[in-house]
Amino acid sequence: VLMRSDHNKAFSRPIKEALDALGIRYSDPDAVEDMLAEPANRRML
């Protein structure tokens, strides 16, 4: 799924919610960045 822009996840969030409602799993390109932004992981890095 391609989006021209996604400021503050304005376009991706509704699609993710709709996929969740249908039980369709997906990979999120923001998942790694979100994980690395967690304070414990950031202190470790």
ModelCIF file with pLDDT and N, C-alpha, C, O atoms, coordinates in Angstrom:
data_MODEL
#
_entry.id   MODEL 
#
_entity.id                         1 
_entity.type                       polymer 
_entity.pdbx_number_of_molecules   1 
#
_entity_poly.entity_id                      1 
_entity_poly.type                           'polypeptide(L)' 
_entity_poly.nstd_linkage                   no 
_entity_poly.nstd_monomer                   no 
_entity_poly.pdbx_seq_one_letter_code       VLMRSDHNKAFSRPIKEALDALGIRYSDPDAVEDMLAEPANRRML 
_entity_poly.pdbx_seq_one_letter_code_can   VLMRSDHNKAFSRPIKEALDALGIRYSDPDAVEDMLAEPANRRML 
_entity_poly.pdbx_strand_id                 A 
#
loop_
_entity_poly_seq.entity_id 
_entity_poly_seq.num 
_entity_poly_seq.mon_id 
_entity_poly_seq.hetero 
1 1  VAL n 
1 2  LEU n 
1 3  MET n 
1 4  ARG n 
1 5  SER n 
1 6  ASP n 
1 7  HIS n 
1 8  ASN n 
1 9  LYS n 
1 10 ALA n 
1 11 PHE n 
1 12 SER n 
1 13 ARG n 
1 14 PRO n 
1 15 ILE n 
1 16 LYS n 
1 17 GLU n 
1 18 ALA n 
1 19 LEU n 
1 20 ASP n 
1 21 ALA n 
1 22 LEU n 
1 23 GLY n 
1 24 ILE n 
1 25 ARG n 
1 26 TYR n 
1 27 SER n 
1 28 ASP n 
1 29 PRO n 
1 30 ASP n 
1 31 ALA n 
1 32 VAL n 
1 33 GLU n 
1 34 ASP n 
1 35 MET n 
1 36 LEU n 
1 37 ALA n 
1 38 GLU n 
1 39 PRO n 
1 40 ALA n 
1 41 ASN n 
1 42 ARG n 
1 43 ARG n 
1 44 MET n 
1 45 LEU n 
#
_struct_asym.id          A 
_struct_asym.entity_id   1 
#
loop_
_ma_qa_metric.id 
_ma_qa_metric.mode 
_ma_qa_metric.name 
_ma_qa_metric.software_group_id 
_ma_qa_metric.type 
1 global pLDDT . pLDDT 
2 local  pLDDT . pLDDT 
#
_ma_qa_metric_global.metric_id      1 
_ma_qa_metric_global.metric_value   87.24 
_ma_qa_metric_global.model_id       1 
_ma_qa_metric_global.ordinal_id     1 
#
loop_
_ma_qa_metric_local.label_asym_id 
_ma_qa_metric_local.label_comp_id 
_ma_qa_metric_local.label_seq_id 
_ma_qa_metric_local.metric_id 
_ma_qa_metric_local.metric_value 
_ma_qa_metric_local.model_id 
_ma_qa_metric_local.ordinal_id 
A VAL 1  2 89.00 1 1  
A LEU 2  2 84.00 1 2  
A MET 3  2 83.00 1 3  
A ARG 4  2 77.00 1 4  
A SER 5  2 79.00 1 5  
A ASP 6  2 81.00 1 6  
A HIS 7  2 80.00 1 7  
A ASN 8  2 81.00 1 8  
A LYS 9  2 83.00 1 9  
A ALA 10 2 86.00 1 10 
A PHE 11 2 87.00 1 11 
A SER 12 2 88.00 1 12 
A ARG 13 2 89.00 1 13 
A PRO 14 2 92.00 1 14 
A ILE 15 2 91.00 1 15 
A LYS 16 2 90.00 1 16 
A GLU 17 2 92.00 1 17 
A ALA 18 2 93.00 1 18 
A LEU 19 2 92.00 1 19 
A ASP 20 2 91.00 1 20 
A ALA 21 2 93.00 1 21 
A LEU 22 2 92.00 1 22 
A GLY 23 2 90.00 1 23 
A ILE 24 2 88.00 1 24 
A ARG 25 2 85.00 1 25 
A TYR 26 2 86.00 1 26 
A SER 27 2 82.00 1 27 
A ASP 28 2 78.00 1 28 
A PRO 29 2 75.00 1 29 
A ASP 30 2 78.00 1 30 
A ALA 31 2 80.00 1 31 
A VAL 32 2 81.00 1 32 
A GLU 33 2 84.00 1 33 
A ASP 34 2 84.00 1 34 
A MET 35 2 87.00 1 35 
A LEU 36 2 88.00 1 36 
A ALA 37 2 91.00 1 37 
A GLU 38 2 93.00 1 38 
A PRO 39 2 94.00 1 39 
A ALA 40 2 94.00 1 40 
A ASN 41 2 94.00 1 41 
A ARG 42 2 95.00 1 42 
A ARG 43 2 96.00 1 43 
A MET 44 2 95.00 1 44 
A LEU 45 2 95.00 1 45 
#
loop_
_atom_site.group_PDB 
_atom_site.id 
_atom_site.type_symbol 
_atom_site.label_atom_id 
_atom_site.label_alt_id 
_atom_site.label_comp_id 
_atom_site.label_asym_id 
_atom_site.label_entity_id 
_atom_site.label_seq_id 
_atom_site.pdbx_PDB_ins_code 
_atom_site.Cartn_x 
_atom_site.Cartn_y 
_atom_site.Cartn_z 
_atom_site.occupancy 
_atom_site.B_iso_or_equiv 
_atom_site.pdbx_formal_charge 
_atom_site.auth_seq_id 
_atom_site.auth_comp_id 
_atom_site.auth_asym_id 
_atom_site.auth_atom_id 
_atom_site.pdbx_PDB_model_num 
ATOM 1   N N  . VAL A 1 1  ? 0.863   -1.177  0.000  1.00 89.00 ? 1  VAL A N  1 
ATOM 2   C CA . VAL A 1 1  ? 0.000   0.000   0.000  1.00 89.00 ? 1  VAL A CA 1 
ATOM 3   C C  . VAL A 1 1  ? 0.903   1.232   0.000  1.00 89.00 ? 1  VAL A C  1 
ATOM 4   O O  . VAL A 1 1  ? 1.706   1.415   0.915  1.00 89.00 ? 1  VAL A O  1 
ATOM 5   N N  . LEU A 1 2  ? 0.774   2.059   -1.007 1.00 84.00 ? 2  LEU A N  1 
ATOM 6   C CA . LEU A 1 2  ? 1.599   3.251   -1.136 1.00 84.00 ? 2  LEU A CA 1 
ATOM 7   C C  . LEU A 1 2  ? 0.776   4.499   -0.842 1.00 84.00 ? 2  LEU A C  1 
ATOM 8   O O  . LEU A 1 2  ? -0.381  4.610   -1.248 1.00 84.00 ? 2  LEU A O  1 
ATOM 9   N N  . MET A 1 3  ? 1.395   5.432   -0.130 1.00 83.00 ? 3  MET A N  1 
ATOM 10  C CA . MET A 1 3  ? 0.741   6.709   0.158  1.00 83.00 ? 3  MET A CA 1 
ATOM 11  C C  . MET A 1 3  ? 1.683   7.840   -0.192 1.00 83.00 ? 3  MET A C  1 
ATOM 12  O O  . MET A 1 3  ? 2.882   7.763   0.077  1.00 83.00 ? 3  MET A O  1 
ATOM 13  N N  . ARG A 1 4  ? 1.151   8.881   -0.788 1.00 77.00 ? 4  ARG A N  1 
ATOM 14  C CA . ARG A 1 4  ? 1.993   9.990   -1.218 1.00 77.00 ? 4  ARG A CA 1 
ATOM 15  C C  . ARG A 1 4  ? 2.620   10.710  -0.033 1.00 77.00 ? 4  ARG A C  1 
ATOM 16  O O  . ARG A 1 4  ? 3.763   11.163  -0.110 1.00 77.00 ? 4  ARG A O  1 
ATOM 17  N N  . SER A 1 5  ? 1.879   10.816  1.057  1.00 79.00 ? 5  SER A N  1 
ATOM 18  C CA . SER A 1 5  ? 2.383   11.408  2.290  1.00 79.00 ? 5  SER A CA 1 
ATOM 19  C C  . SER A 1 5  ? 1.609   10.794  3.440  1.00 79.00 ? 5  SER A C  1 
ATOM 20  O O  . SER A 1 5  ? 0.565   10.173  3.240  1.00 79.00 ? 5  SER A O  1 
ATOM 21  N N  . ASP A 1 6  ? 2.135   10.972  4.660  1.00 81.00 ? 6  ASP A N  1 
ATOM 22  C CA . ASP A 1 6  ? 1.454   10.369  5.816  1.00 81.00 ? 6  ASP A CA 1 
ATOM 23  C C  . ASP A 1 6  ? 1.806   11.144  7.080  1.00 81.00 ? 6  ASP A C  1 
ATOM 24  O O  . ASP A 1 6  ? 2.229   10.559  8.077  1.00 81.00 ? 6  ASP A O  1 
ATOM 25  N N  . HIS A 1 7  ? 1.630   12.462  7.034  1.00 80.00 ? 7  HIS A N  1 
ATOM 26  C CA . HIS A 1 7  ? 1.981   13.302  8.175  1.00 80.00 ? 7  HIS A CA 1 
ATOM 27  C C  . HIS A 1 7  ? 1.150   12.905  9.388  1.00 80.00 ? 7  HIS A C  1 
ATOM 28  O O  . HIS A 1 7  ? -0.077  12.834  9.324  1.00 80.00 ? 7  HIS A O  1 
ATOM 29  N N  . ASN A 1 8  ? 1.853   12.644  10.506 1.00 81.00 ? 8  ASN A N  1 
ATOM 30  C CA . ASN A 1 8  ? 1.199   12.216  11.739 1.00 81.00 ? 8  ASN A CA 1 
ATOM 31  C C  . ASN A 1 8  ? 0.322   10.982  11.529 1.00 81.00 ? 8  ASN A C  1 
ATOM 32  O O  . ASN A 1 8  ? -0.651  10.771  12.253 1.00 81.00 ? 8  ASN A O  1 
ATOM 33  N N  . LYS A 1 9  ? 0.673   10.177  10.541 1.00 83.00 ? 9  LYS A N  1 
ATOM 34  C CA . LYS A 1 9  ? -0.023  8.913   10.234 1.00 83.00 ? 9  LYS A CA 1 
ATOM 35  C C  . LYS A 1 9  ? -1.501  9.136   9.904  1.00 83.00 ? 9  LYS A C  1 
ATOM 36  O O  . LYS A 1 9  ? -2.352  8.295   10.193 1.00 83.00 ? 9  LYS A O  1 
ATOM 37  N N  . ALA A 1 10 ? -1.780  10.278  9.296  1.00 86.00 ? 10 ALA A N  1 
ATOM 38  C CA . ALA A 1 10 ? -3.169  10.630  8.993  1.00 86.00 ? 10 ALA A CA 1 
ATOM 39  C C  . ALA A 1 10 ? -3.803  9.662   8.012  1.00 86.00 ? 10 ALA A C  1 
ATOM 40  O O  . ALA A 1 10 ? -5.004  9.408   8.095  1.00 86.00 ? 10 ALA A O  1 
ATOM 41  N N  . PHE A 1 11 ? -3.019  9.108   7.076  1.00 87.00 ? 11 PHE A N  1 
ATOM 42  C CA . PHE A 1 11 ? -3.575  8.195   6.082  1.00 87.00 ? 11 PHE A CA 1 
ATOM 43  C C  . PHE A 1 11 ? -3.391  6.730   6.479  1.00 87.00 ? 11 PHE A C  1 
ATOM 44  O O  . PHE A 1 11 ? -4.268  5.905   6.227  1.00 87.00 ? 11 PHE A O  1 
ATOM 45  N N  . SER A 1 12 ? -2.268  6.409   7.092  1.00 88.00 ? 12 SER A N  1 
ATOM 46  C CA . SER A 1 12 ? -2.013  5.008   7.414  1.00 88.00 ? 12 SER A CA 1 
ATOM 47  C C  . SER A 1 12 ? -2.846  4.523   8.599  1.00 88.00 ? 12 SER A C  1 
ATOM 48  O O  . SER A 1 12 ? -3.255  3.362   8.623  1.00 88.00 ? 12 SER A O  1 
ATOM 49  N N  . ARG A 1 13 ? -3.105  5.392   9.585  1.00 89.00 ? 13 ARG A N  1 
ATOM 50  C CA . ARG A 1 13 ? -3.815  4.941   10.779 1.00 89.00 ? 13 ARG A CA 1 
ATOM 51  C C  . ARG A 1 13 ? -5.215  4.398   10.462 1.00 89.00 ? 13 ARG A C  1 
ATOM 52  O O  . ARG A 1 13 ? -5.558  3.320   10.947 1.00 89.00 ? 13 ARG A O  1 
ATOM 53  N N  . PRO A 1 14 ? -6.042  5.104   9.665  1.00 92.00 ? 14 PRO A N  1 
ATOM 54  C CA . PRO A 1 14 ? -7.368  4.535   9.358  1.00 92.00 ? 14 PRO A CA 1 
ATOM 55  C C  . PRO A 1 14 ? -7.283  3.196   8.609  1.00 92.00 ? 14 PRO A C  1 
ATOM 56  O O  . PRO A 1 14 ? -8.110  2.311   8.825  1.00 92.00 ? 14 PRO A O  1 
ATOM 57  N N  . ILE A 1 15 ? -6.285  3.052   7.731  1.00 91.00 ? 15 ILE A N  1 
ATOM 58  C CA . ILE A 1 15 ? -6.148  1.788   7.003  1.00 91.00 ? 15 ILE A CA 1 
ATOM 59  C C  . ILE A 1 15 ? -5.750  0.669   7.957  1.00 91.00 ? 15 ILE A C  1 
ATOM 60  O O  . ILE A 1 15 ? -6.270  -0.442  7.861  1.00 91.00 ? 15 ILE A O  1 
ATOM 61  N N  . LYS A 1 16 ? -4.830  0.955   8.881  1.00 90.00 ? 16 LYS A N  1 
ATOM 62  C CA . LYS A 1 16 ? -4.426  -0.059  9.858  1.00 90.00 ? 16 LYS A CA 1 
ATOM 63  C C  . LYS A 1 16 ? -5.615  -0.484  10.713 1.00 90.00 ? 16 LYS A C  1 
ATOM 64  O O  . LYS A 1 16 ? -5.802  -1.669  10.990 1.00 90.00 ? 16 LYS A O  1 
ATOM 65  N N  . GLU A 1 17 ? -6.415  0.497   11.126 1.00 92.00 ? 17 GLU A N  1 
ATOM 66  C CA . GLU A 1 17 ? -7.592  0.171   11.938 1.00 92.00 ? 17 GLU A CA 1 
ATOM 67  C C  . GLU A 1 17 ? -8.577  -0.699  11.167 1.00 92.00 ? 17 GLU A C  1 
ATOM 68  O O  . GLU A 1 17 ? -9.180  -1.616  11.725 1.00 92.00 ? 17 GLU A O  1 
ATOM 69  N N  . ALA A 1 18 ? -8.735  -0.402  9.877  1.00 93.00 ? 18 ALA A N  1 
ATOM 70  C CA . ALA A 1 18 ? -9.645  -1.211  9.053  1.00 93.00 ? 18 ALA A CA 1 
ATOM 71  C C  . ALA A 1 18 ? -9.100  -2.620  8.852  1.00 93.00 ? 18 ALA A C  1 
ATOM 72  O O  . ALA A 1 18 ? -9.863  -3.587  8.849  1.00 93.00 ? 18 ALA A O  1 
ATOM 73  N N  . LEU A 1 19 ? -7.791  -2.742  8.686  1.00 92.00 ? 19 LEU A N  1 
ATOM 74  C CA . LEU A 1 19 ? -7.175  -4.067  8.560  1.00 92.00 ? 19 LEU A CA 1 
ATOM 75  C C  . LEU A 1 19 ? -7.290  -4.849  9.861  1.00 92.00 ? 19 LEU A C  1 
ATOM 76  O O  . LEU A 1 19 ? -7.541  -6.054  9.847  1.00 92.00 ? 19 LEU A O  1 
ATOM 77  N N  . ASP A 1 20 ? -7.105  -4.157  10.991 1.00 91.00 ? 20 ASP A N  1 
ATOM 78  C CA . ASP A 1 20 ? -7.249  -4.815  12.291 1.00 91.00 ? 20 ASP A CA 1 
ATOM 79  C C  . ASP A 1 20 ? -8.669  -5.344  12.469 1.00 91.00 ? 20 ASP A C  1 
ATOM 80  O O  . ASP A 1 20 ? -8.870  -6.436  13.001 1.00 91.00 ? 20 ASP A O  1 
ATOM 81  N N  . ALA A 1 21 ? -9.655  -4.560  12.019 1.00 93.00 ? 21 ALA A N  1 
ATOM 82  C CA . ALA A 1 21 ? -11.060 -4.979  12.166 1.00 93.00 ? 21 ALA A CA 1 
ATOM 83  C C  . ALA A 1 21 ? -11.348 -6.252  11.381 1.00 93.00 ? 21 ALA A C  1 
ATOM 84  O O  . ALA A 1 21 ? -12.217 -7.036  11.765 1.00 93.00 ? 21 ALA A O  1 
ATOM 85  N N  . LEU A 1 22 ? -10.620 -6.464  10.278 1.00 92.00 ? 22 LEU A N  1 
ATOM 86  C CA . LEU A 1 22 ? -10.816 -7.674  9.464  1.00 92.00 ? 22 LEU A CA 1 
ATOM 87  C C  . LEU A 1 22 ? -9.863  -8.796  9.850  1.00 92.00 ? 22 LEU A C  1 
ATOM 88  O O  . LEU A 1 22 ? -9.882  -9.868  9.246  1.00 92.00 ? 22 LEU A O  1 
ATOM 89  N N  . GLY A 1 23 ? -9.030  -8.549  10.853 1.00 90.00 ? 23 GLY A N  1 
ATOM 90  C CA . GLY A 1 23 ? -8.083  -9.582  11.278 1.00 90.00 ? 23 GLY A CA 1 
ATOM 91  C C  . GLY A 1 23 ? -6.939  -9.806  10.299 1.00 90.00 ? 23 GLY A C  1 
ATOM 92  O O  . GLY A 1 23 ? -6.353  -10.888 10.262 1.00 90.00 ? 23 GLY A O  1 
ATOM 93  N N  . ILE A 1 24 ? -6.618  -8.785  9.504  1.00 88.00 ? 24 ILE A N  1 
ATOM 94  C CA . ILE A 1 24 ? -5.529  -8.892  8.530  1.00 88.00 ? 24 ILE A CA 1 
ATOM 95  C C  . ILE A 1 24 ? -4.271  -8.295  9.146  1.00 88.00 ? 24 ILE A C  1 
ATOM 96  O O  . ILE A 1 24 ? -4.254  -7.123  9.522  1.00 88.00 ? 24 ILE A O  1 
ATOM 97  N N  . ARG A 1 25 ? -3.227  -9.096  9.248  1.00 85.00 ? 25 ARG A N  1 
ATOM 98  C CA . ARG A 1 25 ? -1.982  -8.618  9.836  1.00 85.00 ? 25 ARG A CA 1 
ATOM 99  C C  . ARG A 1 25 ? -1.112  -7.993  8.755  1.00 85.00 ? 25 ARG A C  1 
ATOM 100 O O  . ARG A 1 25 ? -1.225  -8.320  7.574  1.00 85.00 ? 25 ARG A O  1 
ATOM 101 N N  . TYR A 1 26 ? -0.253  -7.094  9.183  1.00 86.00 ? 26 TYR A N  1 
ATOM 102 C CA . TYR A 1 26 ? 0.550   -6.335  8.226  1.00 86.00 ? 26 TYR A CA 1 
ATOM 103 C C  . TYR A 1 26 ? 1.869   -5.959  8.881  1.00 86.00 ? 26 TYR A C  1 
ATOM 104 O O  . TYR A 1 26 ? 1.989   -5.963  10.106 1.00 86.00 ? 26 TYR A O  1 
ATOM 105 N N  . SER A 1 27 ? 2.841   -5.638  8.068  1.00 82.00 ? 27 SER A N  1 
ATOM 106 C CA . SER A 1 27 ? 4.098   -5.108  8.601  1.00 82.00 ? 27 SER A CA 1 
ATOM 107 C C  . SER A 1 27 ? 4.027   -3.597  8.551  1.00 82.00 ? 27 SER A C  1 
ATOM 108 O O  . SER A 1 27 ? 3.528   -3.018  7.586  1.00 82.00 ? 27 SER A O  1 
ATOM 109 N N  . ASP A 1 28 ? 4.528   -2.968  9.591  1.00 78.00 ? 28 ASP A N  1 
ATOM 110 C CA . ASP A 1 28 ? 4.478   -1.519  9.723  1.00 78.00 ? 28 ASP A CA 1 
ATOM 111 C C  . ASP A 1 28 ? 5.900   -0.979  9.603  1.00 78.00 ? 28 ASP A C  1 
ATOM 112 O O  . ASP A 1 28 ? 6.738   -1.307  10.443 1.00 78.00 ? 28 ASP A O  1 
ATOM 113 N N  . PRO A 1 29 ? 6.205   -0.169  8.597  1.00 75.00 ? 29 PRO A N  1 
ATOM 114 C CA . PRO A 1 29 ? 7.573   0.341   8.439  1.00 75.00 ? 29 PRO A CA 1 
ATOM 115 C C  . PRO A 1 29 ? 8.019   1.236   9.583  1.00 75.00 ? 29 PRO A C  1 
ATOM 116 O O  . PRO A 1 29 ? 9.213   1.489   9.742  1.00 75.00 ? 29 PRO A O  1 
ATOM 117 N N  . ASP A 1 30 ? 7.058   1.725   10.393 1.00 78.00 ? 30 ASP A N  1 
ATOM 118 C CA . ASP A 1 30 ? 7.417   2.553   11.538 1.00 78.00 ? 30 ASP A CA 1 
ATOM 119 C C  . ASP A 1 30 ? 7.740   1.725   12.775 1.00 78.00 ? 30 ASP A C  1 
ATOM 120 O O  . ASP A 1 30 ? 8.176   2.274   13.787 1.00 78.00 ? 30 ASP A O  1 
ATOM 121 N N  . ALA A 1 31 ? 7.531   0.397   12.709 1.00 80.00 ? 31 ALA A N  1 
ATOM 122 C CA . ALA A 1 31 ? 7.672   -0.430  13.902 1.00 80.00 ? 31 ALA A CA 1 
ATOM 123 C C  . ALA A 1 31 ? 9.088   -0.386  14.457 1.00 80.00 ? 31 ALA A C  1 
ATOM 124 O O  . ALA A 1 31 ? 9.276   -0.290  15.670 1.00 80.00 ? 31 ALA A O  1 
ATOM 125 N N  . VAL A 1 32 ? 10.090  -0.454  13.575 1.00 81.00 ? 32 VAL A N  1 
ATOM 126 C CA . VAL A 1 32 ? 11.477  -0.451  14.045 1.00 81.00 ? 32 VAL A CA 1 
ATOM 127 C C  . VAL A 1 32 ? 11.828  0.890   14.675 1.00 81.00 ? 32 VAL A C  1 
ATOM 128 O O  . VAL A 1 32 ? 12.445  0.939   15.740 1.00 81.00 ? 32 VAL A O  1 
ATOM 129 N N  . GLU A 1 33 ? 11.434  1.982   14.015 1.00 84.00 ? 33 GLU A N  1 
ATOM 130 C CA . GLU A 1 33 ? 11.718  3.309   14.574 1.00 84.00 ? 33 GLU A CA 1 
ATOM 131 C C  . GLU A 1 33 ? 11.025  3.498   15.915 1.00 84.00 ? 33 GLU A C  1 
ATOM 132 O O  . GLU A 1 33 ? 11.602  4.069   16.841 1.00 84.00 ? 33 GLU A O  1 
ATOM 133 N N  . ASP A 1 34 ? 9.786   3.018   16.021 1.00 84.00 ? 34 ASP A N  1 
ATOM 134 C CA . ASP A 1 34 ? 9.062   3.140   17.290 1.00 84.00 ? 34 ASP A CA 1 
ATOM 135 C C  . ASP A 1 34 ? 9.772   2.347   18.383 1.00 84.00 ? 34 ASP A C  1 
ATOM 136 O O  . ASP A 1 34 ? 9.881   2.805   19.521 1.00 84.00 ? 34 ASP A O  1 
ATOM 137 N N  . MET A 1 35 ? 10.251  1.161   18.033 1.00 87.00 ? 35 MET A N  1 
ATOM 138 C CA . MET A 1 35 ? 10.942  0.325   19.007 1.00 87.00 ? 35 MET A CA 1 
ATOM 139 C C  . MET A 1 35 ? 12.250  0.975   19.459 1.00 87.00 ? 35 MET A C  1 
ATOM 140 O O  . MET A 1 35 ? 12.578  0.963   20.646 1.00 87.00 ? 35 MET A O  1 
ATOM 141 N N  . LEU A 1 36 ? 12.997  1.546   18.499 1.00 88.00 ? 36 LEU A N  1 
ATOM 142 C CA . LEU A 1 36 ? 14.268  2.173   18.838 1.00 88.00 ? 36 LEU A CA 1 
ATOM 143 C C  . LEU A 1 36 ? 14.088  3.483   19.593 1.00 88.00 ? 36 LEU A C  1 
ATOM 144 O O  . LEU A 1 36 ? 15.035  3.984   20.200 1.00 88.00 ? 36 LEU A O  1 
ATOM 145 N N  . ALA A 1 37 ? 12.887  4.038   19.561 1.00 91.00 ? 37 ALA A N  1 
ATOM 146 C CA . ALA A 1 37 ? 12.624  5.283   20.287 1.00 91.00 ? 37 ALA A CA 1 
ATOM 147 C C  . ALA A 1 37 ? 12.242  5.040   21.736 1.00 91.00 ? 37 ALA A C  1 
ATOM 148 O O  . ALA A 1 37 ? 12.168  5.994   22.510 1.00 91.00 ? 37 ALA A O  1 
ATOM 149 N N  . GLU A 1 38 ? 11.999  3.799   22.130 1.00 93.00 ? 38 GLU A N  1 
ATOM 150 C CA . GLU A 1 38 ? 11.660  3.513   23.523 1.00 93.00 ? 38 GLU A CA 1 
ATOM 151 C C  . GLU A 1 38 ? 12.850  3.866   24.412 1.00 93.00 ? 38 GLU A C  1 
ATOM 152 O O  . GLU A 1 38 ? 13.986  3.536   24.071 1.00 93.00 ? 38 GLU A O  1 
ATOM 153 N N  . PRO A 1 39 ? 12.614  4.525   25.538 1.00 94.00 ? 39 PRO A N  1 
ATOM 154 C CA . PRO A 1 39 ? 13.717  5.014   26.373 1.00 94.00 ? 39 PRO A CA 1 
ATOM 155 C C  . PRO A 1 39 ? 14.752  3.947   26.734 1.00 94.00 ? 39 PRO A C  1 
ATOM 156 O O  . PRO A 1 39 ? 15.952  4.215   26.674 1.00 94.00 ? 39 PRO A O  1 
ATOM 157 N N  . ALA A 1 40 ? 14.308  2.740   27.109 1.00 94.00 ? 40 ALA A N  1 
ATOM 158 C CA . ALA A 1 40 ? 15.260  1.699   27.492 1.00 94.00 ? 40 ALA A CA 1 
ATOM 159 C C  . ALA A 1 40 ? 16.157  1.316   26.316 1.00 94.00 ? 40 ALA A C  1 
ATOM 160 O O  . ALA A 1 40 ? 17.369  1.177   26.477 1.00 94.00 ? 40 ALA A O  1 
ATOM 161 N N  . ASN A 1 41 ? 15.565  1.148   25.146 1.00 94.00 ? 41 ASN A N  1 
ATOM 162 C CA . ASN A 1 41 ? 16.355  0.799   23.967 1.00 94.00 ? 41 ASN A CA 1 
ATOM 163 C C  . ASN A 1 41 ? 17.284  1.939   23.568 1.00 94.00 ? 41 ASN A C  1 
ATOM 164 O O  . ASN A 1 41 ? 18.406  1.706   23.117 1.00 94.00 ? 41 ASN A O  1 
ATOM 165 N N  . ARG A 1 42 ? 16.817  3.159   23.734 1.00 95.00 ? 42 ARG A N  1 
ATOM 166 C CA . ARG A 1 42 ? 17.636  4.309   23.363 1.00 95.00 ? 42 ARG A CA 1 
ATOM 167 C C  . ARG A 1 42 ? 18.840  4.441   24.311 1.00 95.00 ? 42 ARG A C  1 
ATOM 168 O O  . ARG A 1 42 ? 19.944  4.756   23.868 1.00 95.00 ? 42 ARG A O  1 
ATOM 169 N N  . ARG A 1 43 ? 18.627  4.203   25.598 1.00 96.00 ? 43 ARG A N  1 
ATOM 170 C CA . ARG A 1 43 ? 19.746  4.210   26.548 1.00 96.00 ? 43 ARG A CA 1 
ATOM 171 C C  . ARG A 1 43 ? 20.753  3.118   26.201 1.00 96.00 ? 43 ARG A C  1 
ATOM 172 O O  . ARG A 1 43 ? 21.963  3.336   26.261 1.00 96.00 ? 43 ARG A O  1 
ATOM 173 N N  . MET A 1 44 ? 20.251  1.960   25.843 1.00 95.00 ? 44 MET A N  1 
ATOM 174 C CA . MET A 1 44 ? 21.136  0.860   25.480 1.00 95.00 ? 44 MET A CA 1 
ATOM 175 C C  . MET A 1 44 ? 21.967  1.222   24.252 1.00 95.00 ? 44 MET A C  1 
ATOM 176 O O  . MET A 1 44 ? 23.179  1.008   24.244 1.00 95.00 ? 44 MET A O  1 
ATOM 177 N N  . LEU A 1 45 ? 21.331  1.767   23.217 1.00 95.00 ? 45 LEU A N  1 
ATOM 178 C CA . LEU A 1 45 ? 22.052  2.128   21.996 1.00 95.00 ? 45 LEU A CA 1 
ATOM 179 C C  . LEU A 1 45 ? 23.109  3.194   22.268 1.00 95.00 ? 45 LEU A C  1 
ATOM 180 O O  . LEU A 1 45 ? 23.810  3.617   21.349 1.00 95.00 ? 45 LEU A O  1 
#
